[in-house]
Amino acid sequence: MTRKKKTRSLADKVTIRTGRRKDYKKWRHDNPDQVAPSRRFVAKKQQQRKLQAVRKLARQQSGQDIAIHADKGANKSPGDDS
């Protein structure tokens, strides 16, 4: 008679949600309707995005203007050999 092999990990045997990461991932996959970010997290991220947009706009306005598609012959640099 062969004996059953012992396993060190119980992670595969667990059927309920425990605090372990693998179990939580499985529970999250099985219950997508119950998974949602908290209101506090959503508010925090919205605030971060607004702040990021304000900083980006400030950077864009403080930067120098360059003529990308100006008249092709008028704005040639001395070192430009195109």
Protein backbone atom coordinates (compact mmCIF):
# COMPACT_ATOMS: atom_id res chain seq x y z
CA MET A 1 0.00 0.00 0.00
CA THR A 2 1.39 3.37 -0.97
CA ARG A 3 1.17 6.24 1.39
CA LYS A 4 -0.03 9.69 0.47
CA LYS A 5 2.74 12.19 -0.12
CA LYS A 6 2.96 14.99 2.42
CA THR A 7 2.85 18.53 1.16
CA ARG A 8 4.47 21.43 2.86
CA SER A 9 2.08 23.99 1.44
CA LEU A 10 -1.59 24.13 2.31
CA ALA A 11 -2.24 26.94 -0.19
CA ASP A 12 -3.69 24.60 -2.82
CA LYS A 13 -5.91 22.83 -0.32
CA VAL A 14 -7.53 25.97 1.09
CA THR A 15 -11.07 26.55 -0.13
CA ILE A 16 -11.98 29.59 1.96
CA ARG A 17 -10.58 33.08 1.81
CA THR A 18 -7.75 33.48 4.27
CA GLY A 19 -5.22 36.25 4.57
CA ARG A 20 -2.79 34.62 2.18
CA ARG A 21 -2.05 36.27 -1.15
CA LYS A 22 -2.71 33.22 -3.33
CA ASP A 23 -6.04 32.59 -1.64
CA TYR A 24 -7.03 36.22 -2.02
CA LYS A 25 -6.14 36.20 -5.72
CA LYS A 26 -8.30 33.10 -6.22
CA TRP A 27 -11.19 34.64 -4.27
CA ARG A 28 -10.88 37.88 -6.27
CA HIS A 29 -10.95 35.91 -9.52
CA ASP A 30 -14.02 33.97 -8.42
CA ASN A 31 -15.92 37.04 -7.11
CA PRO A 32 -15.29 39.97 -9.45
CA ASP A 33 -18.53 41.72 -8.45
CA GLN A 34 -17.43 42.03 -4.80
CA VAL A 35 -14.06 43.56 -5.66
CA ALA A 36 -14.01 47.33 -5.83
CA PRO A 37 -11.59 49.98 -4.61
CA SER A 38 -12.53 51.90 -1.48
CA ARG A 39 -13.99 55.40 -1.75
CA ARG A 40 -10.96 56.77 0.06
CA PHE A 41 -8.59 55.22 -2.50
CA VAL A 42 -10.67 56.50 -5.43
CA ALA A 43 -10.73 60.02 -3.97
CA LYS A 44 -6.99 59.91 -3.36
CA LYS A 45 -6.27 58.85 -6.93
CA GLN A 46 -8.59 61.51 -8.36
CA GLN A 47 -6.77 64.15 -6.34
CA GLN A 48 -3.39 62.84 -7.52
CA ARG A 49 -4.53 62.97 -11.16
CA LYS A 50 -5.77 66.54 -10.79
CA LEU A 51 -2.50 67.61 -9.19
CA GLN A 52 -0.53 65.84 -11.91
CA ALA A 53 -2.54 67.62 -14.62
CA VAL A 54 -1.95 71.01 -12.97
CA ARG A 55 1.80 70.35 -12.77
CA LYS A 56 1.93 69.21 -16.40
CA LEU A 57 0.09 72.32 -17.55
CA ALA A 58 2.44 74.53 -15.53
CA ARG A 59 5.47 72.79 -17.09
CA GLN A 60 4.06 73.23 -20.59
CA GLN A 61 3.36 76.93 -20.06
CA SER A 62 6.72 77.68 -18.45
CA GLY A 63 8.71 75.99 -21.22
CA GLN A 64 10.07 77.83 -24.19
CA ASP A 65 8.24 77.87 -27.48
CA ILE A 66 9.92 76.25 -30.47
CA ALA A 67 8.87 76.47 -34.08
CA ILE A 68 8.63 72.88 -35.25
CA HIS A 69 7.07 73.39 -38.67
CA ALA A 70 8.05 76.94 -39.41
CA ASP A 71 9.08 77.98 -42.92
CA LYS A 72 11.56 75.32 -43.94
CA GLY A 73 14.38 77.64 -45.08
CA ALA A 74 13.92 80.48 -42.56
CA ASN A 75 14.88 78.81 -39.27
CA LYS A 76 17.96 76.81 -40.20
CA SER A 77 20.58 76.46 -37.52
CA PRO A 78 24.26 77.00 -38.44
CA GLY A 79 25.16 73.39 -37.55
CA ASP A 80 22.19 71.85 -39.39
CA ASP A 81 23.27 69.94 -42.53
CA SER A 82 19.91 68.62 -43.70
